[in-house]
Amino acid sequence: MSVVVFIGRILFVALFLGSAFGHLTQTQAMTAYAEARGIPNARLAVQASGVVMGIGALMILFGVWADLGALLLVVFLVPTAFLMHAFWKESDPETRQFEMIQFNKDMALAGASLMLFGFFASVSTLGLTITGPLISLG
């Protein structure tokens, strides 16, 4: 079963690792989008969010305090959903639909990250990890 969990972790973090890479290599383009959304210090926010995503994803992938890594992803996803994808503010139907999809995706991933946090924090043996949980719920 530990191999299945490890494969699941790989599949889960692939999105975040790709996104973190984009934040750090395409900072200018992402900064323009963040500025259009009214994010203060947009360039720093883009870079910081890339670092948070990357660290959280790597922690989950390698099993280095994966519970904390899952919480880092929640810390990134929830504000991003509300600040970057506020679909309720959009008047254009296509833009509204796009932002609603992105908002729902971020919230679903935040929910999955919270479930992973609960799983990592309550299971004593995760198999194929470098450390055990940092936070214990059980």
C-alpha atoms as a PDB file:
ATOM      1  CA  MET A   1       0.000   0.000   0.000  1.00  0.00           C
ATOM      2  CA  SER A   2       2.876   2.407   0.697  1.00  0.00           C
ATOM      3  CA  VAL A   3       3.873   2.281  -2.991  1.00  0.00           C
ATOM      4  CA  VAL A   4       0.320   3.270  -3.979  1.00  0.00           C
ATOM      5  CA  VAL A   5       0.441   6.217  -1.569  1.00  0.00           C
ATOM      6  CA  PHE A   6       3.823   7.239  -2.986  1.00  0.00           C
ATOM      7  CA  ILE A   7       2.494   7.111  -6.561  1.00  0.00           C
ATOM      8  CA  GLY A   8      -0.485   9.195  -5.448  1.00  0.00           C
ATOM      9  CA  ARG A   9       1.874  11.733  -3.921  1.00  0.00           C
ATOM     10  CA  ILE A  10       3.821  11.944  -7.180  1.00  0.00           C
ATOM     11  CA  LEU A  11       0.648  12.510  -9.205  1.00  0.00           C
ATOM     12  CA  PHE A  12      -0.644  15.093  -6.727  1.00  0.00           C
ATOM     13  CA  VAL A  13       2.507  17.209  -6.573  1.00  0.00           C
ATOM     14  CA  ALA A  14       3.202  17.190 -10.329  1.00  0.00           C
ATOM     15  CA  LEU A  15       0.774  20.107 -10.807  1.00  0.00           C
ATOM     16  CA  PHE A  16       2.392  22.144  -8.035  1.00  0.00           C
ATOM     17  CA  LEU A  17       5.950  21.492  -9.151  1.00  0.00           C
ATOM     18  CA  GLY A  18       5.101  22.577 -12.702  1.00  0.00           C
ATOM     19  CA  SER A  19       3.296  25.643 -11.426  1.00  0.00           C
ATOM     20  CA  ALA A  20       6.137  26.567  -9.062  1.00  0.00           C
ATOM     21  CA  PHE A  21       8.597  26.250 -11.937  1.00  0.00           C
ATOM     22  CA  GLY A  22       6.389  28.570 -14.005  1.00  0.00           C
ATOM     23  CA  HIS A  23       6.185  31.120 -11.212  1.00  0.00           C
ATOM     24  CA  LEU A  24       9.963  31.214 -10.971  1.00  0.00           C
ATOM     25  CA  THR A  25      10.799  31.120 -14.691  1.00  0.00           C
ATOM     26  CA  GLN A  26       7.916  33.160 -16.138  1.00  0.00           C
ATOM     27  CA  THR A  27       7.764  35.718 -13.362  1.00  0.00           C
ATOM     28  CA  GLN A  28       7.209  38.698 -15.664  1.00  0.00           C
ATOM     29  CA  ALA A  29       4.091  37.297 -17.327  1.00  0.00           C
ATOM     30  CA  MET A  30       2.645  36.082 -14.035  1.00  0.00           C
ATOM     31  CA  THR A  31       3.437  39.420 -12.406  1.00  0.00           C
ATOM     32  CA  ALA A  32       1.400  41.237 -15.067  1.00  0.00           C
ATOM     33  CA  TYR A  33      -1.605  38.988 -14.326  1.00  0.00           C
ATOM     34  CA  ALA A  34      -1.203  39.493 -10.570  1.00  0.00           C
ATOM     35  CA  GLU A  35      -0.966  43.268 -11.035  1.00  0.00           C
ATOM     36  CA  ALA A  36      -4.154  43.189 -13.123  1.00  0.00           C
ATOM     37  CA  ARG A  37      -5.820  41.461 -10.165  1.00  0.00           C
ATOM     38  CA  GLY A  38      -4.670  44.228  -7.820  1.00  0.00           C
ATOM     39  CA  ILE A  39      -2.084  42.200  -5.912  1.00  0.00           C
ATOM     40  CA  PRO A  40       0.366  44.529  -4.117  1.00  0.00           C
ATOM     41  CA  ASN A  41       4.053  43.800  -4.673  1.00  0.00           C
ATOM     42  CA  ALA A  42       2.976  41.440  -7.432  1.00  0.00           C
ATOM     43  CA  ARG A  43       6.465  40.355  -8.487  1.00  0.00           C
ATOM     44  CA  LEU A  44       7.416  39.399  -4.944  1.00  0.00           C
ATOM     45  CA  ALA A  45       4.055  37.666  -4.454  1.00  0.00           C
ATOM     46  CA  VAL A  46       4.567  35.600  -7.627  1.00  0.00           C
ATOM     47  CA  GLN A  47       8.065  34.577  -6.591  1.00  0.00           C
ATOM     48  CA  ALA A  48       7.079  33.853  -2.987  1.00  0.00           C
ATOM     49  CA  SER A  49       4.092  31.772  -4.054  1.00  0.00           C
ATOM     50  CA  GLY A  50       6.341  29.791  -6.397  1.00  0.00           C
ATOM     51  CA  VAL A  51       8.719  29.054  -3.535  1.00  0.00           C
ATOM     52  CA  VAL A  52       5.882  28.083  -1.152  1.00  0.00           C
ATOM     53  CA  MET A  53       4.344  25.768  -3.769  1.00  0.00           C
ATOM     54  CA  GLY A  54       7.671  24.204  -4.625  1.00  0.00           C
ATOM     55  CA  ILE A  55       8.700  23.598  -1.027  1.00  0.00           C
ATOM     56  CA  GLY A  56       5.276  22.227  -0.073  1.00  0.00           C
ATOM     57  CA  ALA A  57       5.194  19.911  -3.083  1.00  0.00           C
ATOM     58  CA  LEU A  58       8.738  18.642  -2.472  1.00  0.00           C
ATOM     59  CA  MET A  59       7.959  18.005   1.204  1.00  0.00           C
ATOM     60  CA  ILE A  60       4.968  15.878   0.185  1.00  0.00           C
ATOM     61  CA  LEU A  61       6.857  14.117  -2.599  1.00  0.00           C
ATOM     62  CA  PHE A  62       9.879  13.141  -0.528  1.00  0.00           C
ATOM     63  CA  GLY A  63       7.988  12.644   2.721  1.00  0.00           C
ATOM     64  CA  VAL A  64       9.920  15.287   4.636  1.00  0.00           C
ATOM     65  CA  TRP A  65       7.297  16.485   7.106  1.00  0.00           C
ATOM     66  CA  ALA A  66       4.682  15.924   4.426  1.00  0.00           C
ATOM     67  CA  ASP A  67       1.985  17.141   6.804  1.00  0.00           C
ATOM     68  CA  LEU A  68       3.605  20.578   6.938  1.00  0.00           C
ATOM     69  CA  GLY A  69       4.038  20.500   3.155  1.00  0.00           C
ATOM     70  CA  ALA A  70       0.309  19.899   2.752  1.00  0.00           C
ATOM     71  CA  LEU A  71      -0.434  22.885   5.005  1.00  0.00           C
ATOM     72  CA  LEU A  72       1.899  25.066   2.926  1.00  0.00           C
ATOM     73  CA  LEU A  73      -0.163  24.213  -0.138  1.00  0.00           C
ATOM     74  CA  VAL A  74      -3.366  25.183   1.701  1.00  0.00           C
ATOM     75  CA  VAL A  75      -1.725  28.489   2.691  1.00  0.00           C
ATOM     76  CA  PHE A  76      -1.028  29.110  -0.993  1.00  0.00           C
ATOM     77  CA  LEU A  77      -4.309  27.823  -2.463  1.00  0.00           C
ATOM     78  CA  VAL A  78      -7.008  29.484  -0.365  1.00  0.00           C
ATOM     79  CA  PRO A  79      -5.776  33.085  -0.691  1.00  0.00           C
ATOM     80  CA  THR A  80      -5.009  32.477  -4.371  1.00  0.00           C
ATOM     81  CA  ALA A  81      -8.565  31.322  -4.990  1.00  0.00           C
ATOM     82  CA  PHE A  82     -10.061  34.437  -3.424  1.00  0.00           C
ATOM     83  CA  LEU A  83      -7.530  37.031  -4.595  1.00  0.00           C
ATOM     84  CA  MET A  84      -6.735  35.804  -8.099  1.00  0.00           C
ATOM     85  CA  HIS A  85      -9.948  34.095  -9.159  1.00  0.00           C
ATOM     86  CA  ALA A  86     -12.755  36.264  -7.756  1.00  0.00           C
ATOM     87  CA  PHE A  87     -15.246  35.198 -10.422  1.00  0.00           C
ATOM     88  CA  TRP A  88     -18.089  37.044  -8.673  1.00  0.00           C
ATOM     89  CA  LYS A  89     -16.444  40.347  -9.655  1.00  0.00           C
ATOM     90  CA  GLU A  90     -16.401  39.538 -13.379  1.00  0.00           C
ATOM     91  CA  SER A  91     -19.044  40.880 -15.756  1.00  0.00           C
ATOM     92  CA  ASP A  92     -17.890  39.144 -18.944  1.00  0.00           C
ATOM     93  CA  PRO A  93     -19.519  35.655 -19.007  1.00  0.00           C
ATOM     94  CA  GLU A  94     -16.463  33.895 -20.467  1.00  0.00           C
ATOM     95  CA  THR A  95     -14.060  35.488 -17.998  1.00  0.00           C
ATOM     96  CA  ARG A  96     -16.472  34.751 -15.165  1.00  0.00           C
ATOM     97  CA  GLN A  97     -16.677  31.085 -16.192  1.00  0.00           C
ATOM     98  CA  PHE A  98     -12.878  30.777 -16.506  1.00  0.00           C
ATOM     99  CA  GLU A  99     -12.294  32.347 -13.086  1.00  0.00           C
ATOM    100  CA  MET A 100     -15.016  30.188 -11.517  1.00  0.00           C
ATOM    101  CA  ILE A 101     -13.292  27.063 -12.818  1.00  0.00           C
ATOM    102  CA  GLN A 102      -9.942  28.255 -11.457  1.00  0.00           C
ATOM    103  CA  PHE A 103     -11.511  29.191  -8.110  1.00  0.00           C
ATOM    104  CA  ASN A 104     -13.183  25.776  -7.798  1.00  0.00           C
ATOM    105  CA  LYS A 105      -9.954  23.997  -8.802  1.00  0.00           C
ATOM    106  CA  ASP A 106      -7.980  25.862  -6.143  1.00  0.00           C
ATOM    107  CA  MET A 107     -10.571  25.151  -3.469  1.00  0.00           C
ATOM    108  CA  ALA A 108     -10.753  21.457  -4.412  1.00  0.00           C
ATOM    109  CA  LEU A 109      -6.964  21.207  -4.263  1.00  0.00           C
ATOM    110  CA  ALA A 110      -7.024  22.982  -0.890  1.00  0.00           C
ATOM    111  CA  GLY A 111      -9.519  20.378   0.318  1.00  0.00           C
ATOM    112  CA  ALA A 112      -7.323  17.560  -0.971  1.00  0.00           C
ATOM    113  CA  SER A 113      -4.316  19.166   0.722  1.00  0.00           C
ATOM    114  CA  LEU A 114      -6.224  19.313   4.016  1.00  0.00           C
ATOM    115  CA  MET A 115      -7.127  15.641   3.635  1.00  0.00           C
ATOM    116  CA  LEU A 116      -3.457  14.860   2.994  1.00  0.00           C
ATOM    117  CA  PHE A 117      -2.528  16.865   6.069  1.00  0.00           C
ATOM    118  CA  GLY A 118      -4.960  14.816   8.152  1.00  0.00           C
ATOM    119  CA  PHE A 119      -3.670  11.599   6.629  1.00  0.00           C
ATOM    120  CA  PHE A 120      -0.012  12.451   7.138  1.00  0.00           C
ATOM    121  CA  ALA A 121      -0.547  13.789  10.668  1.00  0.00           C
ATOM    122  CA  SER A 122      -2.551  10.781  11.874  1.00  0.00           C
ATOM    123  CA  VAL A 123      -0.887   7.781  10.209  1.00  0.00           C
ATOM    124  CA  SER A 124       2.137   6.501  12.075  1.00  0.00           C
ATOM    125  CA  THR A 125       3.736   4.805   9.083  1.00  0.00           C
ATOM    126  CA  LEU A 126       3.530   6.382   5.658  1.00  0.00           C
ATOM    127  CA  GLY A 127       6.152   4.222   3.986  1.00  0.00           C
ATOM    128  CA  LEU A 128       8.678   5.653   1.543  1.00  0.00           C
ATOM    129  CA  THR A 129       9.275   8.837   3.535  1.00  0.00           C
ATOM    130  CA  ILE A 130      12.373  10.457   4.951  1.00  0.00           C
ATOM    131  CA  THR A 131      10.771  11.747   8.168  1.00  0.00           C
ATOM    132  CA  GLY A 132       7.615  11.099  10.092  1.00  0.00           C
ATOM    133  CA  PRO A 133       4.888  13.679  10.648  1.00  0.00           C
ATOM    134  CA  LEU A 134       5.838  16.940  12.313  1.00  0.00           C
ATOM    135  CA  ILE A 135       2.309  17.374  13.690  1.00  0.00           C
ATOM    136  CA  SER A 136       0.520  14.442  15.335  1.00  0.00           C
ATOM    137  CA  LEU A 137      -3.263  14.204  15.435  1.00  0.00           C
ATOM    138  CA  GLY A 138      -3.476  10.669  16.762  1.00  0.00           C
END
